[in-house]
N, C-alpha and C. Protein backbone atom coordinates (compact mmCIF):
# COMPACT_ATOMS: atom_id res chain seq x y z
N MET A 1 0.85 -1.20 0.00
CA MET A 1 0.00 0.00 0.00
C MET A 1 0.88 1.25 0.00
N ILE A 2 0.51 2.22 -0.83
CA ILE A 2 1.26 3.47 -0.89
C ILE A 2 0.92 4.32 0.33
N GLN A 3 1.94 4.79 1.00
CA GLN A 3 1.74 5.61 2.17
C GLN A 3 1.77 7.09 1.79
N ARG A 4 0.84 7.86 2.31
CA ARG A 4 0.87 9.30 2.12
C ARG A 4 1.99 9.91 2.95
N PRO A 5 2.51 11.08 2.54
CA PRO A 5 3.55 11.71 3.36
C PRO A 5 3.04 11.93 4.78
N SER A 6 3.90 11.73 5.75
CA SER A 6 3.50 11.93 7.13
C SER A 6 3.19 13.39 7.37
N PRO A 7 2.41 13.71 8.43
CA PRO A 7 2.09 15.11 8.71
C PRO A 7 3.32 15.99 8.84
N SER A 8 4.44 15.40 9.23
CA SER A 8 5.64 16.21 9.44
C SER A 8 6.20 16.80 8.15
N ILE A 9 5.82 16.23 7.00
CA ILE A 9 6.30 16.79 5.74
C ILE A 9 5.15 17.27 4.87
N SER A 10 3.96 17.36 5.42
CA SER A 10 2.82 17.86 4.68
C SER A 10 2.57 19.31 5.05
N THR A 11 2.05 20.08 4.10
CA THR A 11 1.72 21.46 4.40
C THR A 11 0.58 21.50 5.41
N ARG A 12 0.59 22.54 6.24
CA ARG A 12 -0.41 22.63 7.30
C ARG A 12 -1.77 22.99 6.75
N LYS A 13 -1.81 23.92 5.80
CA LYS A 13 -3.06 24.28 5.14
C LYS A 13 -2.75 24.86 3.77
N GLN A 14 -3.75 24.90 2.93
CA GLN A 14 -3.58 25.44 1.59
C GLN A 14 -4.08 26.88 1.53
N PRO A 15 -3.36 27.77 0.87
CA PRO A 15 -3.80 29.16 0.76
C PRO A 15 -5.05 29.25 -0.10
N LYS A 16 -6.02 30.05 0.33
CA LYS A 16 -7.29 30.18 -0.40
C LYS A 16 -7.50 31.58 -0.95
N GLN A 17 -6.82 32.57 -0.40
CA GLN A 17 -6.97 33.94 -0.86
C GLN A 17 -5.70 34.39 -1.57
N ALA A 18 -5.83 35.42 -2.40
CA ALA A 18 -4.69 35.90 -3.18
C ALA A 18 -3.52 36.29 -2.29
N ARG A 19 -3.83 36.96 -1.19
CA ARG A 19 -2.76 37.41 -0.29
C ARG A 19 -2.02 36.22 0.30
N ALA A 20 -2.77 35.17 0.67
CA ALA A 20 -2.15 33.97 1.23
C ALA A 20 -1.31 33.25 0.18
N THR A 21 -1.82 33.22 -1.04
CA THR A 21 -1.08 32.58 -2.13
C THR A 21 0.24 33.30 -2.38
N GLU A 22 0.21 34.63 -2.32
CA GLU A 22 1.43 35.42 -2.50
C GLU A 22 2.40 35.18 -1.36
N LEU A 23 1.87 35.02 -0.13
CA LEU A 23 2.73 34.76 1.02
C LEU A 23 3.45 33.42 0.86
N VAL A 24 2.71 32.39 0.46
CA VAL A 24 3.31 31.07 0.27
C VAL A 24 4.35 31.13 -0.84
N ALA A 25 4.06 31.84 -1.92
CA ALA A 25 5.01 31.96 -3.02
C ALA A 25 6.30 32.65 -2.54
N ALA A 26 6.16 33.69 -1.70
CA ALA A 26 7.32 34.39 -1.17
C ALA A 26 8.14 33.48 -0.26
N ILE A 27 7.46 32.67 0.54
CA ILE A 27 8.15 31.74 1.44
C ILE A 27 8.91 30.70 0.63
N LEU A 28 8.30 30.16 -0.41
CA LEU A 28 8.95 29.14 -1.22
C LEU A 28 10.15 29.72 -1.99
N ALA A 29 10.00 30.93 -2.49
CA ALA A 29 11.12 31.57 -3.18
C ALA A 29 12.28 31.79 -2.22
N ALA A 30 11.96 32.23 -1.01
CA ALA A 30 12.99 32.44 0.00
C ALA A 30 13.63 31.12 0.40
N ALA A 31 12.83 30.08 0.51
CA ALA A 31 13.35 28.76 0.89
C ALA A 31 14.35 28.26 -0.15
N ALA A 32 14.02 28.44 -1.43
CA ALA A 32 14.94 28.02 -2.49
C ALA A 32 16.24 28.81 -2.42
N GLN A 33 16.15 30.10 -2.13
CA GLN A 33 17.34 30.94 -2.04
C GLN A 33 18.22 30.53 -0.86
N VAL A 34 17.59 30.28 0.29
CA VAL A 34 18.36 29.87 1.48
C VAL A 34 19.00 28.51 1.24
N LEU A 35 18.25 27.60 0.64
CA LEU A 35 18.78 26.26 0.38
C LEU A 35 19.98 26.32 -0.55
N ALA A 36 19.89 27.14 -1.59
CA ALA A 36 21.00 27.25 -2.54
C ALA A 36 22.22 27.91 -1.89
N ALA A 37 21.97 28.89 -1.02
CA ALA A 37 23.07 29.64 -0.41
C ALA A 37 23.69 28.92 0.78
N GLU A 38 22.87 28.28 1.58
CA GLU A 38 23.33 27.71 2.84
C GLU A 38 23.51 26.20 2.81
N GLY A 39 22.82 25.51 1.90
CA GLY A 39 22.86 24.06 1.88
C GLY A 39 21.87 23.46 2.86
N ALA A 40 21.71 22.15 2.77
CA ALA A 40 20.69 21.48 3.59
C ALA A 40 21.00 21.55 5.08
N GLN A 41 22.27 21.49 5.44
CA GLN A 41 22.62 21.43 6.86
C GLN A 41 22.30 22.73 7.59
N ARG A 42 22.39 23.87 6.93
CA ARG A 42 22.16 25.16 7.57
C ARG A 42 20.78 25.73 7.22
N PHE A 43 19.97 24.94 6.56
CA PHE A 43 18.63 25.38 6.16
C PHE A 43 17.71 25.33 7.39
N THR A 44 17.13 26.47 7.76
CA THR A 44 16.21 26.53 8.90
C THR A 44 15.00 27.39 8.54
N THR A 45 13.91 27.17 9.25
CA THR A 45 12.71 27.98 9.02
C THR A 45 12.95 29.43 9.41
N THR A 46 13.79 29.65 10.40
CA THR A 46 14.10 31.03 10.82
C THR A 46 14.79 31.80 9.70
N ARG A 47 15.78 31.16 9.06
CA ARG A 47 16.47 31.81 7.96
C ARG A 47 15.51 32.07 6.79
N VAL A 48 14.62 31.12 6.54
CA VAL A 48 13.67 31.30 5.44
C VAL A 48 12.73 32.46 5.74
N ALA A 49 12.22 32.52 6.96
CA ALA A 49 11.30 33.60 7.34
C ALA A 49 12.00 34.96 7.21
N GLU A 50 13.24 35.03 7.67
CA GLU A 50 14.00 36.28 7.56
C GLU A 50 14.17 36.69 6.10
N ARG A 51 14.52 35.74 5.25
CA ARG A 51 14.72 36.04 3.83
C ARG A 51 13.41 36.47 3.17
N ALA A 52 12.30 35.86 3.59
CA ALA A 52 11.00 36.19 3.01
C ALA A 52 10.41 37.47 3.58
N GLY A 53 10.95 37.94 4.71
CA GLY A 53 10.44 39.14 5.33
C GLY A 53 9.12 38.92 6.05
N VAL A 54 8.95 37.70 6.60
CA VAL A 54 7.73 37.38 7.34
C VAL A 54 8.11 36.82 8.69
N SER A 55 7.15 36.72 9.57
CA SER A 55 7.41 36.13 10.88
C SER A 55 7.45 34.61 10.77
N VAL A 56 8.14 33.98 11.71
CA VAL A 56 8.18 32.52 11.72
C VAL A 56 6.76 31.98 11.93
N GLY A 57 5.97 32.69 12.72
CA GLY A 57 4.60 32.27 12.95
C GLY A 57 3.78 32.24 11.67
N SER A 58 4.00 33.22 10.80
CA SER A 58 3.29 33.23 9.52
C SER A 58 3.72 32.04 8.66
N LEU A 59 5.01 31.74 8.68
CA LEU A 59 5.51 30.60 7.92
C LEU A 59 4.88 29.30 8.43
N TYR A 60 4.79 29.17 9.77
CA TYR A 60 4.27 27.94 10.35
C TYR A 60 2.79 27.73 10.07
N GLN A 61 2.09 28.77 9.65
CA GLN A 61 0.69 28.58 9.28
C GLN A 61 0.56 27.62 8.10
N TYR A 62 1.59 27.58 7.26
CA TYR A 62 1.53 26.75 6.05
C TYR A 62 2.53 25.60 6.05
N PHE A 63 3.66 25.80 6.72
CA PHE A 63 4.69 24.77 6.76
C PHE A 63 5.10 24.54 8.22
N PRO A 64 4.73 23.41 8.82
CA PRO A 64 4.97 23.20 10.25
C PRO A 64 6.43 23.08 10.64
N ASN A 65 7.31 22.78 9.69
CA ASN A 65 8.73 22.62 9.99
C ASN A 65 9.54 22.66 8.70
N LYS A 66 10.84 22.55 8.81
CA LYS A 66 11.67 22.65 7.62
C LYS A 66 11.50 21.44 6.70
N ALA A 67 11.14 20.29 7.27
CA ALA A 67 10.91 19.11 6.43
C ALA A 67 9.76 19.35 5.47
N ALA A 68 8.71 20.02 5.96
CA ALA A 68 7.56 20.32 5.10
C ALA A 68 7.95 21.27 3.98
N LEU A 69 8.81 22.23 4.30
CA LEU A 69 9.28 23.17 3.28
C LEU A 69 10.12 22.46 2.22
N LEU A 70 11.04 21.61 2.67
CA LEU A 70 11.88 20.87 1.74
C LEU A 70 11.07 19.95 0.86
N PHE A 71 10.06 19.32 1.46
CA PHE A 71 9.22 18.40 0.70
C PHE A 71 8.43 19.16 -0.37
N ARG A 72 7.95 20.35 -0.03
CA ARG A 72 7.22 21.15 -1.02
C ARG A 72 8.14 21.56 -2.17
N LEU A 73 9.36 21.98 -1.84
CA LEU A 73 10.32 22.33 -2.89
C LEU A 73 10.61 21.13 -3.79
N GLN A 74 10.77 19.96 -3.15
CA GLN A 74 11.04 18.76 -3.93
C GLN A 74 9.86 18.38 -4.80
N SER A 75 8.64 18.47 -4.26
CA SER A 75 7.44 18.15 -5.03
C SER A 75 7.30 19.07 -6.22
N ASP A 76 7.57 20.36 -6.01
CA ASP A 76 7.49 21.32 -7.10
C ASP A 76 8.53 21.00 -8.18
N GLU A 77 9.71 20.57 -7.76
CA GLU A 77 10.76 20.23 -8.71
C GLU A 77 10.35 19.03 -9.56
N TRP A 78 9.76 18.01 -8.92
CA TRP A 78 9.27 16.84 -9.66
C TRP A 78 8.24 17.28 -10.71
N ARG A 79 7.30 18.12 -10.28
CA ARG A 79 6.22 18.55 -11.16
C ARG A 79 6.78 19.35 -12.34
N GLN A 80 7.69 20.27 -12.06
CA GLN A 80 8.24 21.11 -13.13
C GLN A 80 9.04 20.29 -14.14
N THR A 81 9.82 19.33 -13.64
CA THR A 81 10.61 18.49 -14.54
C THR A 81 9.70 17.63 -15.40
N THR A 82 8.64 17.10 -14.80
CA THR A 82 7.70 16.27 -15.55
C THR A 82 6.97 17.09 -16.61
N GLU A 83 6.57 18.30 -16.25
CA GLU A 83 5.89 19.17 -17.21
C GLU A 83 6.83 19.54 -18.36
N LEU A 84 8.09 19.76 -18.07
CA LEU A 84 9.07 20.07 -19.10
C LEU A 84 9.19 18.92 -20.08
N LEU A 85 9.38 17.72 -19.56
CA LEU A 85 9.55 16.53 -20.39
C LEU A 85 8.31 16.27 -21.24
N CYS A 86 7.15 16.28 -20.59
CA CYS A 86 5.90 15.97 -21.30
C CYS A 86 5.58 17.03 -22.35
N GLY A 87 5.77 18.28 -21.99
CA GLY A 87 5.45 19.36 -22.91
C GLY A 87 6.25 19.28 -24.20
N ILE A 88 7.50 18.87 -24.08
CA ILE A 88 8.37 18.78 -25.27
C ILE A 88 8.10 17.51 -26.06
N LEU A 89 8.05 16.36 -25.39
CA LEU A 89 7.87 15.10 -26.11
C LEU A 89 6.49 14.97 -26.74
N GLU A 90 5.51 15.67 -26.21
CA GLU A 90 4.15 15.60 -26.75
C GLU A 90 3.90 16.64 -27.85
N ASN A 91 4.88 17.45 -28.16
CA ASN A 91 4.73 18.49 -29.17
C ASN A 91 4.89 17.88 -30.56
N THR A 92 3.79 17.43 -31.13
CA THR A 92 3.86 16.75 -32.43
C THR A 92 4.12 17.72 -33.59
N GLY A 93 4.20 19.01 -33.30
CA GLY A 93 4.59 19.96 -34.34
C GLY A 93 6.05 19.84 -34.73
N LEU A 94 6.82 19.15 -33.89
CA LEU A 94 8.23 18.88 -34.18
C LEU A 94 8.42 17.40 -34.47
N SER A 95 9.42 17.09 -35.25
CA SER A 95 9.73 15.68 -35.50
C SER A 95 10.28 15.06 -34.21
N PRO A 96 10.25 13.73 -34.11
CA PRO A 96 10.79 13.09 -32.90
C PRO A 96 12.23 13.49 -32.58
N LEU A 97 13.08 13.57 -33.59
CA LEU A 97 14.48 13.94 -33.33
C LEU A 97 14.60 15.40 -32.92
N GLU A 98 13.75 16.26 -33.47
CA GLU A 98 13.74 17.65 -33.04
C GLU A 98 13.31 17.75 -31.59
N ARG A 99 12.35 16.93 -31.20
CA ARG A 99 11.89 16.93 -29.80
C ARG A 99 13.00 16.46 -28.87
N ILE A 100 13.72 15.44 -29.28
CA ILE A 100 14.83 14.95 -28.46
C ILE A 100 15.87 16.06 -28.27
N ARG A 101 16.20 16.74 -29.35
CA ARG A 101 17.20 17.81 -29.25
C ARG A 101 16.70 18.93 -28.34
N THR A 102 15.44 19.30 -28.50
CA THR A 102 14.86 20.35 -27.67
C THR A 102 14.86 19.95 -26.20
N LEU A 103 14.51 18.70 -25.93
CA LEU A 103 14.47 18.20 -24.56
C LEU A 103 15.85 18.23 -23.93
N VAL A 104 16.84 17.75 -24.66
CA VAL A 104 18.20 17.71 -24.11
C VAL A 104 18.68 19.11 -23.76
N HIS A 105 18.50 20.05 -24.66
CA HIS A 105 18.95 21.42 -24.40
C HIS A 105 18.22 22.04 -23.23
N ALA A 106 16.89 21.87 -23.18
CA ALA A 106 16.11 22.45 -22.09
C ALA A 106 16.45 21.82 -20.75
N PHE A 107 16.64 20.51 -20.75
CA PHE A 107 16.92 19.80 -19.49
C PHE A 107 18.30 20.15 -18.95
N ILE A 108 19.31 20.12 -19.81
CA ILE A 108 20.67 20.41 -19.35
C ILE A 108 20.77 21.85 -18.85
N ARG A 109 20.14 22.78 -19.56
CA ARG A 109 20.16 24.17 -19.11
C ARG A 109 19.46 24.31 -17.76
N SER A 110 18.32 23.64 -17.61
CA SER A 110 17.59 23.69 -16.34
C SER A 110 18.42 23.11 -15.21
N GLU A 111 19.10 21.99 -15.47
CA GLU A 111 19.95 21.38 -14.45
C GLU A 111 21.03 22.35 -14.00
N CYS A 112 21.63 23.04 -14.94
CA CYS A 112 22.72 23.97 -14.60
C CYS A 112 22.20 25.19 -13.85
N GLU A 113 21.05 25.69 -14.25
CA GLU A 113 20.50 26.89 -13.62
C GLU A 113 20.04 26.62 -12.18
N GLU A 114 19.62 25.40 -11.90
CA GLU A 114 19.06 25.08 -10.59
C GLU A 114 19.90 24.05 -9.84
N ALA A 115 21.17 23.96 -10.20
CA ALA A 115 22.04 22.92 -9.64
C ALA A 115 22.14 23.00 -8.12
N ALA A 116 22.28 24.20 -7.58
CA ALA A 116 22.48 24.35 -6.13
C ALA A 116 21.27 23.84 -5.36
N VAL A 117 20.08 24.23 -5.79
CA VAL A 117 18.87 23.80 -5.09
C VAL A 117 18.66 22.30 -5.26
N ARG A 118 18.82 21.80 -6.46
CA ARG A 118 18.60 20.37 -6.69
C ARG A 118 19.60 19.52 -5.93
N GLY A 119 20.84 19.95 -5.90
CA GLY A 119 21.84 19.20 -5.17
C GLY A 119 21.54 19.16 -3.68
N ALA A 120 21.12 20.29 -3.14
CA ALA A 120 20.77 20.34 -1.72
C ALA A 120 19.54 19.50 -1.41
N LEU A 121 18.56 19.51 -2.31
CA LEU A 121 17.38 18.69 -2.09
C LEU A 121 17.73 17.21 -2.11
N ASN A 122 18.62 16.81 -2.99
CA ASN A 122 19.03 15.41 -3.03
C ASN A 122 19.71 15.00 -1.74
N ASP A 123 20.46 15.93 -1.14
CA ASP A 123 21.13 15.63 0.12
C ASP A 123 20.14 15.61 1.28
N ALA A 124 19.13 16.48 1.21
CA ALA A 124 18.24 16.67 2.35
C ALA A 124 17.09 15.70 2.41
N ALA A 125 16.65 15.20 1.27
CA ALA A 125 15.39 14.45 1.27
C ALA A 125 15.45 13.15 0.48
N PRO A 126 16.37 12.25 0.79
CA PRO A 126 16.45 11.00 0.02
C PRO A 126 15.20 10.14 0.14
N LEU A 127 14.49 10.20 1.26
CA LEU A 127 13.31 9.36 1.44
C LEU A 127 12.10 9.89 0.67
N TYR A 128 12.16 11.13 0.23
CA TYR A 128 11.01 11.70 -0.48
C TYR A 128 10.79 11.04 -1.83
N ARG A 129 11.79 10.37 -2.36
CA ARG A 129 11.67 9.80 -3.69
C ARG A 129 10.62 8.70 -3.76
N ASP A 130 10.23 8.13 -2.61
CA ASP A 130 9.22 7.09 -2.60
C ASP A 130 7.83 7.63 -2.25
N ALA A 131 7.71 8.93 -2.11
CA ALA A 131 6.42 9.54 -1.78
C ALA A 131 5.46 9.41 -2.97
N PRO A 132 4.15 9.44 -2.72
CA PRO A 132 3.18 9.35 -3.83
C PRO A 132 3.39 10.41 -4.90
N GLU A 133 3.80 11.61 -4.50
CA GLU A 133 4.04 12.66 -5.49
C GLU A 133 5.15 12.25 -6.45
N ALA A 134 6.18 11.59 -5.93
CA ALA A 134 7.28 11.14 -6.79
C ALA A 134 6.81 10.02 -7.71
N GLN A 135 6.03 9.10 -7.18
CA GLN A 135 5.53 8.00 -7.98
C GLN A 135 4.60 8.50 -9.08
N GLU A 136 3.79 9.49 -8.77
CA GLU A 136 2.88 10.06 -9.77
C GLU A 136 3.67 10.75 -10.89
N ALA A 137 4.70 11.50 -10.51
CA ALA A 137 5.53 12.18 -11.51
C ALA A 137 6.23 11.18 -12.41
N ARG A 138 6.78 10.12 -11.81
CA ARG A 138 7.45 9.09 -12.62
C ARG A 138 6.48 8.40 -13.55
N ALA A 139 5.28 8.09 -13.06
CA ALA A 139 4.29 7.41 -13.89
C ALA A 139 3.87 8.27 -15.08
N THR A 140 3.67 9.56 -14.83
CA THR A 140 3.29 10.47 -15.91
C THR A 140 4.40 10.56 -16.95
N ALA A 141 5.64 10.72 -16.48
CA ALA A 141 6.78 10.80 -17.40
C ALA A 141 6.93 9.50 -18.18
N ASN A 142 6.77 8.36 -17.52
CA ASN A 142 6.92 7.07 -18.19
C ASN A 142 5.89 6.89 -19.29
N ARG A 143 4.65 7.31 -19.03
CA ARG A 143 3.61 7.18 -20.06
C ARG A 143 3.95 8.03 -21.28
N THR A 144 4.45 9.23 -21.02
CA THR A 144 4.81 10.11 -22.13
C THR A 144 5.98 9.55 -22.93
N VAL A 145 6.97 9.02 -22.25
CA VAL A 145 8.13 8.44 -22.93
C VAL A 145 7.70 7.22 -23.74
N GLU A 146 6.83 6.39 -23.19
CA GLU A 146 6.35 5.20 -23.90
C GLU A 146 5.63 5.60 -25.18
N ALA A 147 4.76 6.61 -25.09
CA ALA A 147 4.03 7.07 -26.27
C ALA A 147 4.99 7.64 -27.31
N PHE A 148 5.98 8.39 -26.86
CA PHE A 148 6.97 8.96 -27.76
C PHE A 148 7.74 7.87 -28.48
N MET A 149 8.14 6.83 -27.76
CA MET A 149 8.91 5.76 -28.37
C MET A 149 8.06 4.96 -29.35
N ARG A 150 6.77 4.78 -29.07
CA ARG A 150 5.89 4.09 -30.02
C ARG A 150 5.79 4.87 -31.33
N GLU A 151 5.71 6.19 -31.19
CA GLU A 151 5.64 7.04 -32.38
C GLU A 151 6.96 7.02 -33.15
N THR A 152 8.07 7.05 -32.43
CA THR A 152 9.38 7.15 -33.05
C THR A 152 9.84 5.84 -33.67
N LEU A 153 9.55 4.73 -32.99
CA LEU A 153 10.00 3.41 -33.45
C LEU A 153 8.81 2.46 -33.55
N PRO A 154 7.87 2.73 -34.46
CA PRO A 154 6.65 1.92 -34.52
C PRO A 154 6.88 0.45 -34.87
N ASP A 155 7.96 0.15 -35.57
CA ASP A 155 8.21 -1.22 -35.99
C ASP A 155 9.13 -1.99 -35.05
N ALA A 156 9.63 -1.33 -34.03
CA ALA A 156 10.53 -2.00 -33.09
C ALA A 156 9.71 -2.80 -32.08
N PRO A 157 10.27 -3.88 -31.54
CA PRO A 157 9.54 -4.63 -30.51
C PRO A 157 9.35 -3.79 -29.26
N GLY A 158 8.28 -4.09 -28.53
CA GLY A 158 7.98 -3.31 -27.33
C GLY A 158 9.11 -3.29 -26.33
N SER A 159 9.77 -4.42 -26.17
CA SER A 159 10.88 -4.48 -25.21
C SER A 159 12.03 -3.58 -25.64
N GLY A 160 12.26 -3.52 -26.94
CA GLY A 160 13.33 -2.67 -27.44
C GLY A 160 13.02 -1.20 -27.26
N ARG A 161 11.76 -0.82 -27.50
CA ARG A 161 11.35 0.57 -27.29
C ARG A 161 11.47 0.95 -25.82
N ALA A 162 11.05 0.04 -24.94
CA ALA A 162 11.11 0.31 -23.51
C ALA A 162 12.54 0.51 -23.06
N LEU A 163 13.44 -0.33 -23.55
CA LEU A 163 14.85 -0.21 -23.18
C LEU A 163 15.42 1.10 -23.69
N ALA A 164 15.09 1.45 -24.93
CA ALA A 164 15.61 2.70 -25.50
C ALA A 164 15.13 3.90 -24.70
N GLY A 165 13.85 3.93 -24.36
CA GLY A 165 13.32 5.04 -23.59
C GLY A 165 13.98 5.15 -22.23
N GLU A 166 14.17 4.00 -21.58
CA GLU A 166 14.80 3.99 -20.25
C GLU A 166 16.24 4.48 -20.33
N LEU A 167 16.98 4.02 -21.33
CA LEU A 167 18.38 4.42 -21.46
C LEU A 167 18.51 5.92 -21.73
N ILE A 168 17.65 6.46 -22.59
CA ILE A 168 17.73 7.88 -22.92
C ILE A 168 17.43 8.73 -21.69
N ILE A 169 16.34 8.43 -20.97
CA ILE A 169 15.95 9.25 -19.82
C ILE A 169 16.95 9.11 -18.67
N LYS A 170 17.40 7.90 -18.41
CA LYS A 170 18.36 7.71 -17.32
C LYS A 170 19.70 8.36 -17.65
N THR A 171 20.12 8.25 -18.89
CA THR A 171 21.38 8.89 -19.29
C THR A 171 21.27 10.40 -19.19
N LEU A 172 20.16 10.95 -19.68
CA LEU A 172 19.95 12.39 -19.62
C LEU A 172 19.99 12.88 -18.18
N SER A 173 19.30 12.18 -17.29
CA SER A 173 19.25 12.57 -15.88
C SER A 173 20.61 12.46 -15.21
N THR A 174 21.30 11.37 -15.46
CA THR A 174 22.58 11.12 -14.79
C THR A 174 23.66 12.09 -15.27
N VAL A 175 23.79 12.23 -16.58
CA VAL A 175 24.85 13.10 -17.08
C VAL A 175 24.51 14.57 -16.84
N GLY A 176 23.21 14.89 -16.82
CA GLY A 176 22.81 16.26 -16.51
C GLY A 176 23.21 16.65 -15.10
N ALA A 177 22.97 15.75 -14.16
CA ALA A 177 23.34 16.02 -12.77
C ALA A 177 24.85 16.14 -12.63
N ASP A 178 25.58 15.26 -13.30
CA ASP A 178 27.04 15.30 -13.22
C ASP A 178 27.60 16.57 -13.86
N PHE A 179 27.11 16.93 -15.03
CA PHE A 179 27.60 18.10 -15.75
C PHE A 179 27.34 19.39 -14.98
N SER A 180 26.19 19.45 -14.29
CA SER A 180 25.80 20.68 -13.59
C SER A 180 26.48 20.85 -12.24
N GLU A 181 27.33 19.92 -11.85
CA GLU A 181 28.04 20.05 -10.57
C GLU A 181 29.02 21.22 -10.59
N LYS A 182 29.49 21.61 -11.78
CA LYS A 182 30.37 22.75 -11.93
C LYS A 182 29.62 23.87 -12.64
N GLU A 183 30.00 25.09 -12.36
CA GLU A 183 29.39 26.22 -13.05
C GLU A 183 29.79 26.19 -14.52
N ARG A 184 28.82 26.34 -15.40
CA ARG A 184 29.07 26.23 -16.84
C ARG A 184 28.69 27.51 -17.57
N THR A 185 29.40 27.79 -18.65
CA THR A 185 29.06 28.92 -19.49
C THR A 185 27.96 28.49 -20.46
N SER A 186 27.31 29.48 -21.08
CA SER A 186 26.28 29.18 -22.07
C SER A 186 26.86 28.37 -23.22
N GLY A 187 28.09 28.70 -23.61
CA GLY A 187 28.73 27.96 -24.69
C GLY A 187 28.98 26.51 -24.34
N GLU A 188 29.41 26.27 -23.11
CA GLU A 188 29.65 24.89 -22.67
C GLU A 188 28.35 24.10 -22.63
N ILE A 189 27.29 24.73 -22.14
CA ILE A 189 25.99 24.06 -22.06
C ILE A 189 25.49 23.71 -23.46
N GLU A 190 25.65 24.65 -24.39
CA GLU A 190 25.21 24.43 -25.77
C GLU A 190 25.98 23.29 -26.42
N ALA A 191 27.29 23.30 -26.28
CA ALA A 191 28.12 22.27 -26.90
C ALA A 191 27.84 20.89 -26.31
N TYR A 192 27.69 20.84 -24.99
CA TYR A 192 27.43 19.56 -24.33
C TYR A 192 26.07 19.03 -24.74
N SER A 193 25.07 19.90 -24.78
CA SER A 193 23.73 19.48 -25.16
C SER A 193 23.69 18.99 -26.60
N ASP A 194 24.39 19.68 -27.49
CA ASP A 194 24.44 19.25 -28.89
C ASP A 194 25.05 17.85 -29.00
N ALA A 195 26.14 17.62 -28.29
CA ALA A 195 26.81 16.32 -28.36
C ALA A 195 25.92 15.21 -27.82
N LEU A 196 25.25 15.49 -26.71
CA LEU A 196 24.37 14.48 -26.11
C LEU A 196 23.17 14.21 -27.02
N ALA A 197 22.60 15.27 -27.60
CA ALA A 197 21.48 15.10 -28.51
C ALA A 197 21.90 14.31 -29.75
N ASP A 198 23.10 14.59 -30.28
CA ASP A 198 23.61 13.84 -31.43
C ASP A 198 23.68 12.35 -31.10
N MET A 199 24.14 12.04 -29.91
CA MET A 199 24.27 10.64 -29.50
C MET A 199 22.90 9.96 -29.44
N PHE A 200 21.91 10.64 -28.85
CA PHE A 200 20.58 10.06 -28.76
C PHE A 200 19.95 9.88 -30.14
N CYS A 201 20.12 10.88 -31.00
CA CYS A 201 19.54 10.79 -32.34
C CYS A 201 20.17 9.64 -33.13
N ALA A 202 21.47 9.49 -33.03
CA ALA A 202 22.16 8.40 -33.72
C ALA A 202 21.67 7.05 -33.19
N TYR A 203 21.45 6.98 -31.90
CA TYR A 203 20.95 5.75 -31.28
C TYR A 203 19.57 5.39 -31.82
N LEU A 204 18.67 6.37 -31.90
CA LEU A 204 17.33 6.11 -32.41
C LEU A 204 17.37 5.69 -33.88
N LYS A 205 18.25 6.30 -34.66
CA LYS A 205 18.38 5.91 -36.07
C LYS A 205 18.88 4.48 -36.18
N SER A 206 19.79 4.10 -35.28
CA SER A 206 20.32 2.73 -35.32
C SER A 206 19.26 1.70 -34.98
N LEU A 207 18.21 2.15 -34.27
CA LEU A 207 17.12 1.24 -33.89
C LEU A 207 16.00 1.20 -34.92
N GLY A 208 16.14 2.01 -35.97
CA GLY A 208 15.15 1.95 -37.05
C GLY A 208 14.38 3.21 -37.33
N TYR A 209 14.69 4.31 -36.63
CA TYR A 209 13.97 5.55 -36.92
C TYR A 209 14.32 6.01 -38.34
N SER A 210 13.30 6.34 -39.11
CA SER A 210 13.54 6.72 -40.51
C SER A 210 12.73 7.94 -40.91
N GLY A 211 12.28 8.73 -39.93
CA GLY A 211 11.46 9.89 -40.25
C GLY A 211 12.25 11.01 -40.91
C-alpha cells in the first residue's frame, strides 16, 4: 500500500486567498534561495522567514517545519521536470528527433541553472523519492516516454522501445546532474547538449527511426 507523506512533511493548510497565495510563493522563493546559499545542513525555518520578510509564525501557518518546506520544494521540482519533459515530447509539431534535441537542451540548461537547489534537495530528502508525489511524476513521465517511443519506433519490438526510452531518460538525468556540478558557461551548455542530442539521435536511427 502506498503511504501518504506523514504530517511532518505535509503542508499545514492550503492558501485560499490571493494574499495567502502570495505569502506562500514568497516563502517558497525564499526557501529556495536559502537552500541554494546555505545548503541542507544550515537550512532553517528562521532563515527562510527572515529572507521572506515574514514572521516565523506566519511561515508555520503553512509549513509546520523545515521538512515540510523541503518536501514542497522537492514536489514542485518533480512537477516542473515532468511538465518540461511531457510538454516537449508531446509536441507533435516537431519531428521526434527535433523533440529529443529540444528536450536535451532544455533539461541540461535547467539542471545547470538550478544545480544548487537540486543538489541540496538530493542531500536533504532521500526518502522523499518514494512519496506518492514522486511515484505520480514518474508514472506520468513514463507514459509520455512510452508514447513517444511508439511514435518514433513503430516497428521495433515493445521491449526494445522500452529499453531505448529507459536508457535515454536515465542517461539524460545522470549526465545532466554530473555536468551541472560545476558552473558552466552558455557555450559549454550548448556544446554539451548538442553532443548528447547527437548521441541520442544516432541511437534512435540505429534502432530503425527513418522519419
